[in-house]
């Protein structure tokens, strides 16, 4: 560590330009000279959080799929084989992986005859709240405060952006969807309170502008984009001056971070140019910054998260990677059936296997994020060592529309609080809210004794 003796700059130092505010990564010069070790660690030992929902459950939640270990491995503990599982792409990161099997999401089930059939339209609202949504097509929505927002409300208030909510597919947060449920439930993963659903961002450009255009006017941002100049062009003088105050290691770290910002900006521009100069693609009604490629879109969103963590601009993300009843096709998975029809496999082994291939393809998106987090330093450890990533679904066997034995995994070291390389199998009937309560406690909410329909903390 190269700490400048007797001098330091604020952790909240930013680079300002026209329509641009760029937060900086953690630099040695931001650590007060001669500060006690515990104070230095206090600046870095934060727990960035990413909560990812993938809809439609998993092939491994099907009766036959369970026997083939298409989601959870056969072995419990540390000596498990991911070979048959859709989780195989995570093999290089198994030291950060916890698989929590056989938990149920009862709040997503129908609690009255009028609610029968509405499973797709309740599910997303239950995943991070573990609370049952009130059936309504009006504005009187009600469910629970989501896990990510509980964390953001306590530990995200000292960052420029307390939380961000991202998605991949189109959303419709008004009107009724089906079975008496407003589309707000279908499309909202994050709830600031029981009746306060938070909007989501689908366009990487909008997410990028929120991170690096905060505090500027719409007109300034529009001018910057019309002149086709990078956001870094508007702060180049401040960068040059700042470098005179930094040591060699900090200058290298700053250059690397700013290059990552520019690379992300460049990729977004390429998507916009491609969409502007070509005939309507696979997603003709999507915003101009949304690529046709699912993988490219997901990677752009992951890069935004990592840059936000590096600069401590935002520590809490929720990410909806699909939409219930989605008809999107993922040819890279080797299956050409649309997602929702593929999830209704009828229990036929060949079709369950096809659905498993789609599950595996979705999981294969995660190593990109994990690699980026591992490469990004945050003080004395990588962001992957400090972070918690939750990935799962509030549905189990999608063919039956049930919410039993739902997929749930965690990734990341959570500042040493979450040992990895484990498969933990819950007793039948255990609420998914139980491990989520435990995760909240490990995130720093030790005073919480209840979350959603939890019955007890799950021993992780």
Protein backbone atom coordinates (compact mmCIF):
# COMPACT_ATOMS: atom_id res chain seq x y z
CA UNK A 1 0.00 0.00 0.00
CA UNK A 2 1.38 3.43 -0.99
CA UNK A 3 -0.11 5.90 1.48
CA UNK A 4 0.89 9.55 1.09
CA UNK A 5 2.23 10.54 4.50
CA UNK A 6 0.52 13.42 6.23
CA UNK A 7 -1.88 14.13 3.38
CA UNK A 8 -5.04 12.62 2.05
CA UNK A 9 -7.94 13.43 -0.23
CA UNK A 10 -11.58 12.82 0.58
CA UNK A 11 -13.25 9.51 -0.28
CA UNK A 12 -15.98 11.67 -1.81
CA UNK A 13 -13.64 13.48 -4.21
CA UNK A 14 -15.25 13.65 -7.65
CA UNK A 15 -14.30 14.86 -11.11
CA UNK A 16 -16.81 17.42 -12.39
CA UNK A 17 -17.38 18.58 -15.95
CA UNK A 18 -20.25 19.64 -18.19
CA UNK A 19 -23.09 17.25 -17.41
CA UNK A 20 -20.65 14.91 -15.71
CA UNK A 21 -19.84 13.87 -12.17
CA UNK A 22 -17.37 10.98 -11.90
CA UNK A 23 -16.73 9.41 -8.52
CA UNK A 24 -13.30 7.89 -7.98
CA UNK A 25 -12.17 4.43 -6.92
CA UNK A 26 -10.63 3.92 -3.50
CA UNK A 27 -7.09 5.29 -3.64
CA UNK A 28 -4.28 5.03 -1.11
CA UNK A 29 -4.36 8.83 -0.84
CA UNK A 30 -7.89 8.59 0.52
CA UNK A 31 -6.70 6.73 3.60
CA UNK A 32 -5.75 9.16 6.38
CA UNK A 33 -2.03 9.07 7.11
CA UNK A 34 -1.04 7.21 10.29
CA UNK A 35 -4.66 6.11 10.87
CA UNK A 36 -5.12 2.95 12.90
CA UNK A 37 -5.49 -0.25 10.90
CA UNK A 38 -9.07 -0.70 12.06
CA UNK A 39 -9.96 2.76 10.71
CA UNK A 40 -8.48 1.92 7.32
CA UNK A 41 -10.45 -1.30 7.26
CA UNK A 42 -13.61 0.56 8.19
CA UNK A 43 -13.27 2.54 4.96
CA UNK A 44 -13.06 -0.61 2.85
CA UNK A 45 -15.02 -3.32 4.64
CA UNK A 46 -18.35 -2.54 3.08
CA UNK A 47 -20.63 -5.20 1.71
CA UNK A 48 -21.78 -4.43 -1.83
CA UNK A 49 -24.95 -6.35 -2.66
CA UNK A 50 -26.39 -7.63 -5.94
CA UNK A 51 -29.73 -9.45 -5.97
CA UNK A 52 -30.56 -11.24 -9.23
CA UNK A 53 -33.88 -12.83 -10.10
CA UNK A 54 -34.29 -15.33 -12.93
CA UNK A 55 -37.91 -16.27 -13.54
CA UNK A 56 -39.56 -19.65 -14.23
CA UNK A 57 -37.74 -21.72 -11.63
CA UNK A 58 -35.44 -24.55 -12.66
CA UNK A 59 -35.53 -27.92 -14.36
CA UNK A 60 -33.98 -29.36 -11.21
CA UNK A 61 -37.14 -28.52 -9.26
CA UNK A 62 -39.11 -30.95 -11.42
CA UNK A 63 -39.60 -34.45 -9.98
CA UNK A 64 -37.48 -36.15 -12.64
CA UNK A 65 -35.01 -33.24 -12.81
CA UNK A 66 -34.29 -33.64 -9.11
CA UNK A 67 -33.26 -37.26 -9.63
CA UNK A 68 -30.82 -36.08 -12.32
CA UNK A 69 -29.44 -33.26 -10.14
CA UNK A 70 -30.19 -30.68 -12.83
CA UNK A 71 -29.89 -27.86 -10.29
CA UNK A 72 -28.67 -29.01 -6.89
CA UNK A 73 -25.84 -31.54 -6.69
CA UNK A 74 -26.45 -34.90 -5.03
CA UNK A 75 -23.84 -34.37 -2.32
CA UNK A 76 -24.19 -31.96 0.59
CA UNK A 77 -21.34 -30.17 2.30
CA UNK A 78 -18.12 -29.27 0.48
CA UNK A 79 -17.47 -32.38 -1.60
CA UNK A 80 -20.16 -31.94 -4.25
CA UNK A 81 -20.09 -32.57 -7.98
CA UNK A 82 -21.46 -29.78 -10.18
CA UNK A 83 -21.08 -31.92 -13.30
CA UNK A 84 -24.75 -32.73 -13.94
CA UNK A 85 -25.99 -29.40 -12.62
CA UNK A 86 -26.94 -26.16 -14.36
CA UNK A 87 -24.48 -24.59 -11.90
CA UNK A 88 -21.47 -26.17 -13.63
CA UNK A 89 -20.36 -22.82 -15.16
CA UNK A 90 -19.61 -21.68 -11.59
CA UNK A 91 -17.03 -24.43 -11.01
CA UNK A 92 -14.06 -21.98 -11.19
CA UNK A 93 -15.69 -19.94 -8.42
CA UNK A 94 -16.92 -22.69 -6.15
CA UNK A 95 -14.87 -21.32 -3.25
CA UNK A 96 -17.32 -18.40 -3.32
CA UNK A 97 -20.43 -20.51 -3.98
CA UNK A 98 -23.15 -21.53 -1.53
CA UNK A 99 -26.05 -23.62 -2.83
CA UNK A 100 -29.13 -23.52 -0.61
CA UNK A 101 -31.55 -26.22 -1.72
CA UNK A 102 -35.19 -27.08 -1.10
CA UNK A 103 -36.53 -23.84 0.32
CA UNK A 104 -40.09 -22.77 -0.51
CA UNK A 105 -41.62 -19.40 -1.35
CA UNK A 106 -45.09 -19.80 0.12
CA UNK A 107 -45.97 -16.09 -0.26
CA UNK A 108 -45.97 -16.61 -4.05
CA UNK A 109 -48.72 -19.23 -3.80
CA UNK A 110 -52.44 -18.57 -4.11
CA UNK A 111 -53.92 -17.87 -0.69
CA UNK A 112 -57.52 -17.67 -1.84
CA UNK A 113 -59.53 -19.19 -4.73
CA UNK A 114 -59.56 -15.83 -6.54
CA UNK A 115 -55.75 -15.88 -6.72
CA UNK A 116 -55.46 -19.29 -8.40
CA UNK A 117 -53.65 -19.04 -11.73
CA UNK A 118 -51.80 -15.83 -10.94
CA UNK A 119 -48.45 -17.38 -10.02
CA UNK A 120 -46.47 -15.63 -12.76
CA UNK A 121 -47.97 -12.30 -11.79
CA UNK A 122 -47.17 -12.59 -8.06
CA UNK A 123 -43.72 -14.14 -8.24
CA UNK A 124 -41.32 -11.26 -8.80
CA UNK A 125 -42.93 -9.18 -6.05
CA UNK A 126 -42.28 -12.02 -3.59
CA UNK A 127 -38.66 -12.89 -4.36
CA UNK A 128 -36.89 -10.19 -2.34
CA UNK A 129 -39.81 -9.35 -0.04
CA UNK A 130 -40.86 -12.92 0.85
CA UNK A 131 -44.28 -11.34 1.37
CA UNK A 132 -47.63 -12.12 -0.24
CA UNK A 133 -48.85 -9.41 -2.65
CA UNK A 134 -52.33 -8.00 -2.27
CA UNK A 135 -54.38 -8.95 -5.33
CA UNK A 136 -55.30 -5.71 -7.07
CA UNK A 137 -55.25 -4.08 -10.48
CA UNK A 138 -55.31 -0.61 -8.97
CA UNK A 139 -52.84 1.61 -7.17
CA UNK A 140 -53.47 0.08 -3.74
CA UNK A 141 -50.55 -2.33 -4.07
CA UNK A 142 -49.10 -3.97 -0.99
CA UNK A 143 -46.42 -6.58 -0.34
CA UNK A 144 -43.31 -6.02 1.83
CA UNK A 145 -40.00 -4.15 1.96
CA UNK A 146 -37.43 -5.99 -0.14
CA UNK A 147 -34.12 -7.31 1.15
CA UNK A 148 -32.05 -5.00 -1.04
CA UNK A 149 -33.94 -1.94 0.20
CA UNK A 150 -33.59 -2.93 3.84
CA UNK A 151 -29.84 -2.95 3.21
CA UNK A 152 -29.86 0.26 1.17
CA UNK A 153 -31.86 2.16 3.76
CA UNK A 154 -29.29 1.39 6.44
CA UNK A 155 -25.99 1.21 4.55
CA UNK A 156 -26.60 2.96 1.26
CA UNK A 157 -27.48 6.44 2.44
CA UNK A 158 -23.91 7.73 2.44
CA UNK A 159 -23.39 6.92 -1.26
CA UNK A 160 -24.53 9.24 -4.07
CA UNK A 161 -27.04 6.61 -5.23
CA UNK A 162 -28.47 4.46 -2.41
CA UNK A 163 -29.58 1.71 -4.80
CA UNK A 164 -30.19 0.98 -8.46
CA UNK A 165 -32.75 -1.33 -10.02
CA UNK A 166 -31.92 -2.81 -13.43
CA UNK A 167 -33.70 -5.17 -15.81
CA UNK A 168 -33.23 -6.83 -19.20
CA UNK A 169 -36.70 -7.19 -20.68
CA UNK A 170 -39.49 -4.72 -21.31
CA UNK A 171 -41.59 -3.64 -18.37
CA UNK A 172 -45.10 -2.28 -18.00
CA UNK A 173 -45.58 -0.79 -14.56
CA UNK A 174 -49.16 0.30 -15.08
CA UNK A 175 -52.48 -1.39 -15.70
CA UNK A 176 -53.46 -4.98 -15.12
CA UNK A 177 -51.46 -7.97 -16.29
CA UNK A 178 -53.67 -11.00 -15.58
CA UNK A 179 -55.62 -12.84 -12.88
CA UNK A 180 -56.43 -9.58 -11.11
CA UNK A 181 -52.81 -8.43 -10.61
CA UNK A 182 -51.37 -5.10 -11.61
CA UNK A 183 -48.23 -5.22 -13.74
CA UNK A 184 -46.38 -3.43 -10.94
CA UNK A 185 -46.11 -6.79 -9.16
CA UNK A 186 -44.88 -8.57 -12.29
CA UNK A 187 -42.17 -6.06 -13.04
CA UNK A 188 -40.98 -4.77 -9.65
CA UNK A 189 -38.25 -6.60 -7.78
CA UNK A 190 -37.40 -3.83 -5.28
CA UNK A 191 -39.86 -2.32 -2.80
CA UNK A 192 -38.84 0.63 -0.60
CA UNK A 193 -41.83 -0.17 1.61
CA UNK A 194 -44.90 -2.38 1.41
CA UNK A 195 -46.65 0.08 -0.92
CA UNK A 196 -43.67 1.75 -2.65
CA UNK A 197 -42.45 -0.15 -5.74
CA UNK A 198 -39.21 1.19 -7.24
CA UNK A 199 -38.83 1.76 -11.00
CA UNK A 200 -36.28 -0.20 -13.00
CA UNK A 201 -33.84 0.78 -15.74
CA UNK A 202 -33.56 -1.31 -18.89
CA UNK A 203 -31.39 0.98 -21.02
CA UNK A 204 -27.65 0.80 -20.19
CA UNK A 205 -27.32 4.41 -21.36
CA UNK A 206 -29.75 5.59 -18.68
CA UNK A 207 -27.93 3.60 -16.00
CA UNK A 208 -24.58 4.97 -17.18
CA UNK A 209 -25.92 8.55 -17.12
CA UNK A 210 -27.30 8.04 -13.64
CA UNK A 211 -23.85 7.01 -12.41
CA UNK A 212 -21.80 9.58 -14.31
CA UNK A 213 -24.26 12.39 -14.93
CA UNK A 214 -25.71 12.77 -11.47
CA UNK A 215 -26.36 16.35 -10.48
CA UNK A 216 -26.19 17.71 -14.04
CA UNK A 217 -29.11 18.97 -16.05
CA UNK A 218 -30.76 17.08 -18.88
CA UNK A 219 -29.72 19.85 -21.28
CA UNK A 220 -26.04 19.56 -20.31
CA UNK A 221 -26.05 15.81 -20.81
CA UNK A 222 -27.78 16.21 -24.17
CA UNK A 223 -25.18 18.80 -25.27
CA UNK A 224 -22.33 16.50 -24.29
CA UNK A 225 -23.80 13.63 -26.29
CA UNK A 226 -24.50 15.84 -29.34
CA UNK A 227 -20.86 16.91 -29.47
CA UNK A 228 -19.90 13.21 -29.44
CA UNK A 229 -17.29 13.74 -26.79
CA UNK A 230 -16.54 11.29 -24.04
CA UNK A 231 -17.49 12.20 -20.49
CA UNK A 232 -13.75 11.95 -19.77
CA UNK A 233 -13.03 14.83 -22.17
CA UNK A 234 -14.97 17.17 -19.90
CA UNK A 235 -12.85 16.30 -16.85
CA UNK A 236 -9.42 15.88 -18.43
CA UNK A 237 -8.02 19.03 -16.80
CA UNK A 238 -9.16 17.90 -13.34
CA UNK A 239 -7.65 14.45 -13.95
CA UNK A 240 -4.29 16.00 -14.83
CA UNK A 241 -4.33 18.15 -11.70
CA UNK A 242 -5.42 15.27 -9.47
CA UNK A 243 -2.57 13.08 -10.68
CA UNK A 244 -0.07 15.58 -9.32
CA UNK A 245 -1.46 14.84 -5.84
CA UNK A 246 -1.19 11.04 -6.18
CA UNK A 247 1.55 8.48 -5.82
CA UNK A 248 2.55 6.14 -8.68
CA UNK A 249 0.30 3.28 -7.59
CA UNK A 250 -2.71 5.59 -7.31
CA UNK A 251 -2.05 7.09 -10.73
CA UNK A 252 -2.01 3.62 -12.26
CA UNK A 253 -5.20 2.67 -10.44
CA UNK A 254 -6.93 5.86 -11.56
CA UNK A 255 -5.88 5.38 -15.20
CA UNK A 256 -7.19 1.81 -15.17
CA UNK A 257 -10.52 2.85 -13.69
CA UNK A 258 -11.02 5.73 -16.14
CA UNK A 259 -10.21 3.43 -19.04
CA UNK A 260 -12.92 1.05 -17.82
CA UNK A 261 -15.36 3.97 -17.73
CA UNK A 262 -14.40 4.95 -21.28
CA UNK A 263 -14.61 1.35 -22.52
CA UNK A 264 -18.13 0.99 -21.14
CA UNK A 265 -19.15 4.33 -22.65
CA UNK A 266 -17.72 3.26 -26.01
CA UNK A 267 -19.61 -0.04 -26.00
CA UNK A 268 -22.89 1.72 -25.24
CA UNK A 269 -22.24 4.14 -28.10
CA UNK A 270 -21.58 1.23 -30.44
CA UNK A 271 -24.92 -0.36 -29.53
CA UNK A 272 -26.74 2.94 -30.11
CA UNK A 273 -25.03 3.45 -33.48
CA UNK A 274 -25.80 -0.11 -34.54
CA UNK A 275 -29.45 0.25 -33.60
CA UNK A 276 -29.72 3.64 -35.34
CA UNK A 277 -28.18 2.48 -38.62
CA UNK A 278 -29.83 -0.89 -39.10
CA UNK A 279 -33.30 -2.21 -39.78
CA UNK A 280 -35.41 -3.15 -36.75
CA UNK A 281 -33.69 -5.97 -34.91
CA UNK A 282 -34.97 -8.66 -32.64
CA UNK A 283 -36.15 -6.05 -30.11
CA UNK A 284 -37.65 -3.30 -32.31
CA UNK A 285 -39.42 -1.46 -29.48
CA UNK A 286 -36.44 -1.48 -27.11
CA UNK A 287 -34.60 1.75 -26.18
CA UNK A 288 -31.71 2.63 -28.49
CA UNK A 289 -29.10 1.57 -25.95
CA UNK A 290 -30.44 -1.98 -25.59
CA UNK A 291 -28.54 -4.55 -27.69
CA UNK A 292 -30.31 -7.44 -29.39
CA UNK A 293 -27.87 -9.81 -27.73
CA UNK A 294 -28.97 -11.01 -24.28
CA UNK A 295 -25.37 -11.72 -23.29
CA UNK A 296 -24.13 -8.31 -24.40
CA UNK A 297 -26.95 -6.58 -22.52
CA UNK A 298 -26.27 -8.53 -19.32
CA UNK A 299 -22.55 -7.82 -19.52
CA UNK A 300 -23.13 -4.08 -19.92
CA UNK A 301 -25.30 -4.10 -16.80
CA UNK A 302 -22.70 -6.11 -14.87
CA UNK A 303 -19.98 -3.64 -15.87
CA UNK A 304 -22.11 -0.76 -14.60
CA UNK A 305 -22.45 -2.51 -11.24
CA UNK A 306 -18.72 -3.11 -10.92
CA UNK A 307 -17.84 0.50 -11.76
CA UNK A 308 -20.42 1.68 -9.22
CA UNK A 309 -18.84 -0.53 -6.55
CA UNK A 310 -15.30 0.58 -7.44
CA UNK A 311 -16.23 4.24 -7.09
CA UNK A 312 -18.55 3.65 -4.11
CA UNK A 313 -21.26 5.48 -6.07
CA UNK A 314 -23.78 2.77 -5.27
CA UNK A 315 -23.49 -0.38 -3.14
CA UNK A 316 -26.88 -2.01 -3.73
CA UNK A 317 -28.29 -3.39 -6.99
CA UNK A 318 -31.27 -5.50 -7.90
CA UNK A 319 -31.29 -7.06 -11.34
CA UNK A 320 -34.26 -8.69 -13.05
CA UNK A 321 -32.74 -10.84 -15.79
CA UNK A 322 -36.03 -11.85 -17.37
CA UNK A 323 -39.77 -11.30 -17.21
CA UNK A 324 -42.41 -13.86 -16.25
CA UNK A 325 -44.08 -15.43 -19.28
CA UNK A 326 -41.18 -14.24 -21.45
CA UNK A 327 -41.19 -15.55 -25.02
CA UNK A 328 -37.53 -14.72 -25.57
CA UNK A 329 -35.45 -17.36 -27.34
CA UNK A 330 -31.86 -18.09 -26.24
CA UNK A 331 -30.31 -19.90 -29.23
CA UNK A 332 -26.87 -19.84 -27.58
CA UNK A 333 -28.28 -22.32 -25.06
CA UNK A 334 -28.79 -24.88 -27.84
CA UNK A 335 -32.58 -24.63 -27.47
CA UNK A 336 -34.79 -22.70 -29.89
CA UNK A 337 -38.04 -22.89 -27.95
CA UNK A 338 -39.16 -19.64 -26.29
CA UNK A 339 -38.38 -19.39 -22.58
CA UNK A 340 -41.90 -19.60 -21.14
CA UNK A 341 -43.13 -22.44 -23.41
CA UNK A 342 -39.90 -24.31 -22.68
CA UNK A 343 -40.60 -24.00 -18.95
CA UNK A 344 -43.90 -25.83 -19.51
CA UNK A 345 -42.15 -29.06 -20.38
CA UNK A 346 -44.97 -31.38 -19.35
CA UNK A 347 -42.55 -33.42 -17.27
CA UNK A 348 -41.24 -35.10 -20.42
CA UNK A 349 -37.59 -35.93 -19.95
CA UNK A 350 -36.35 -34.53 -23.27
CA UNK A 351 -38.14 -31.24 -22.69
CA UNK A 352 -37.00 -31.02 -19.08
CA UNK A 353 -33.47 -31.44 -20.42
CA UNK A 354 -34.02 -28.60 -22.88
CA UNK A 355 -35.21 -26.36 -20.07
CA UNK A 356 -32.12 -27.33 -18.06
CA UNK A 357 -29.96 -26.12 -20.96
CA UNK A 358 -31.63 -22.71 -20.76
CA UNK A 359 -31.08 -22.62 -16.98
CA UNK A 360 -27.41 -23.46 -17.52
CA UNK A 361 -27.06 -20.75 -20.15
CA UNK A 362 -28.47 -18.16 -17.76
CA UNK A 363 -26.07 -19.26 -15.00
CA UNK A 364 -23.20 -19.00 -17.50
CA UNK A 365 -23.68 -15.22 -17.45
CA UNK A 366 -22.47 -15.03 -13.84
CA UNK A 367 -18.75 -15.84 -14.29
CA UNK A 368 -18.34 -12.61 -16.28
CA UNK A 369 -19.53 -10.63 -13.24
CA UNK A 370 -17.45 -12.69 -10.83
CA UNK A 371 -14.30 -12.25 -12.90
CA UNK A 372 -14.80 -8.49 -12.99
CA UNK A 373 -15.42 -8.32 -9.24
CA UNK A 374 -12.36 -10.45 -8.55
CA UNK A 375 -10.15 -8.24 -10.72
CA UNK A 376 -11.36 -5.05 -9.02
CA UNK A 377 -9.48 -4.22 -5.84
CA UNK A 378 -11.16 -2.59 -2.86
CA UNK A 379 -8.54 -1.86 -0.26
CA UNK A 380 -6.79 -5.06 0.81
CA UNK A 381 -9.21 -7.47 -0.90
CA UNK A 382 -11.07 -7.88 -4.16
CA UNK A 383 -14.65 -6.74 -4.60
CA UNK A 384 -15.64 -10.39 -4.91
CA UNK A 385 -14.24 -11.04 -1.42
CA UNK A 386 -16.27 -8.13 -0.06
CA UNK A 387 -19.52 -8.60 -1.98
CA UNK A 388 -22.65 -10.72 -1.75
CA UNK A 389 -24.45 -11.85 -4.90
CA UNK A 390 -27.83 -13.56 -4.48
CA UNK A 391 -29.24 -15.45 -7.48
CA UNK A 392 -32.45 -17.39 -7.54
CA UNK A 393 -36.08 -17.69 -8.46
CA UNK A 394 -39.35 -17.55 -6.49
CA UNK A 395 -40.73 -20.38 -8.63
CA UNK A 396 -39.83 -24.06 -8.37
CA UNK A 397 -41.31 -26.44 -10.95
CA UNK A 398 -42.54 -24.00 -13.58
CA UNK A 399 -44.54 -26.70 -15.33
CA UNK A 400 -46.74 -26.93 -12.23
CA UNK A 401 -46.47 -23.24 -11.33
CA UNK A 402 -45.41 -24.26 -7.86
CA UNK A 403 -43.06 -22.50 -5.47
CA UNK A 404 -41.41 -25.44 -3.74
CA UNK A 405 -37.73 -26.39 -3.80
CA UNK A 406 -36.91 -23.07 -5.44
CA UNK A 407 -33.39 -22.39 -6.76
CA UNK A 408 -31.21 -20.19 -4.56
CA UNK A 409 -27.45 -19.63 -4.52
CA UNK A 410 -25.07 -17.04 -3.12
CA UNK A 411 -21.68 -15.94 -4.41
CA UNK A 412 -19.00 -13.74 -2.86
CA UNK A 413 -17.05 -13.65 0.38
CA UNK A 414 -19.12 -11.00 2.22
CA UNK A 415 -16.01 -9.69 4.00
CA UNK A 416 -15.12 -13.13 5.31
CA UNK A 417 -18.56 -13.75 6.79
CA UNK A 418 -19.70 -16.26 4.18
CA UNK A 419 -17.56 -19.37 3.67
CA UNK A 420 -18.06 -20.84 0.22
CA UNK A 421 -17.81 -24.26 -1.44
CA UNK A 422 -20.89 -25.59 0.33
CA UNK A 423 -24.17 -27.22 -0.55
CA UNK A 424 -26.73 -26.76 2.21
CA UNK A 425 -30.01 -28.67 1.97
CA UNK A 426 -32.96 -27.33 3.96
CA UNK A 427 -35.59 -29.46 5.64
CA UNK A 428 -38.81 -29.86 3.69
CA UNK A 429 -41.06 -26.83 4.00
CA UNK A 430 -38.32 -24.39 5.03
CA UNK A 431 -39.19 -20.85 3.90
CA UNK A 432 -36.70 -19.16 1.57
CA UNK A 433 -37.11 -16.24 3.94
CA UNK A 434 -35.03 -18.17 6.52
CA UNK A 435 -31.73 -18.05 4.59
CA UNK A 436 -32.54 -14.52 3.46
CA UNK A 437 -32.90 -13.51 7.11
CA UNK A 438 -29.49 -15.06 7.81
CA UNK A 439 -27.97 -13.18 4.88
CA UNK A 440 -29.41 -9.91 6.17
CA UNK A 441 -27.85 -10.58 9.56
CA UNK A 442 -24.47 -11.25 7.93
CA UNK A 443 -24.85 -8.04 5.91
CA UNK A 444 -24.89 -6.13 9.20
CA UNK A 445 -28.54 -6.31 10.24
CA UNK A 446 -27.88 -8.41 13.33
CA UNK A 447 -30.88 -6.90 15.09
CA UNK A 448 -33.33 -8.37 12.58
CA UNK A 449 -35.17 -11.44 13.87
CA UNK A 450 -37.92 -11.62 11.25
CA UNK A 451 -38.07 -11.22 7.49
CA UNK A 452 -41.09 -12.00 5.34
CA UNK A 453 -42.56 -15.32 6.44
CA UNK A 454 -39.34 -16.54 8.09
CA UNK A 455 -39.65 -19.01 10.94
CA UNK A 456 -35.99 -18.87 12.05
CA UNK A 457 -32.58 -17.91 10.75
CA UNK A 458 -31.10 -20.62 8.51
CA UNK A 459 -27.61 -21.76 9.58
CA UNK A 460 -25.32 -20.60 6.79
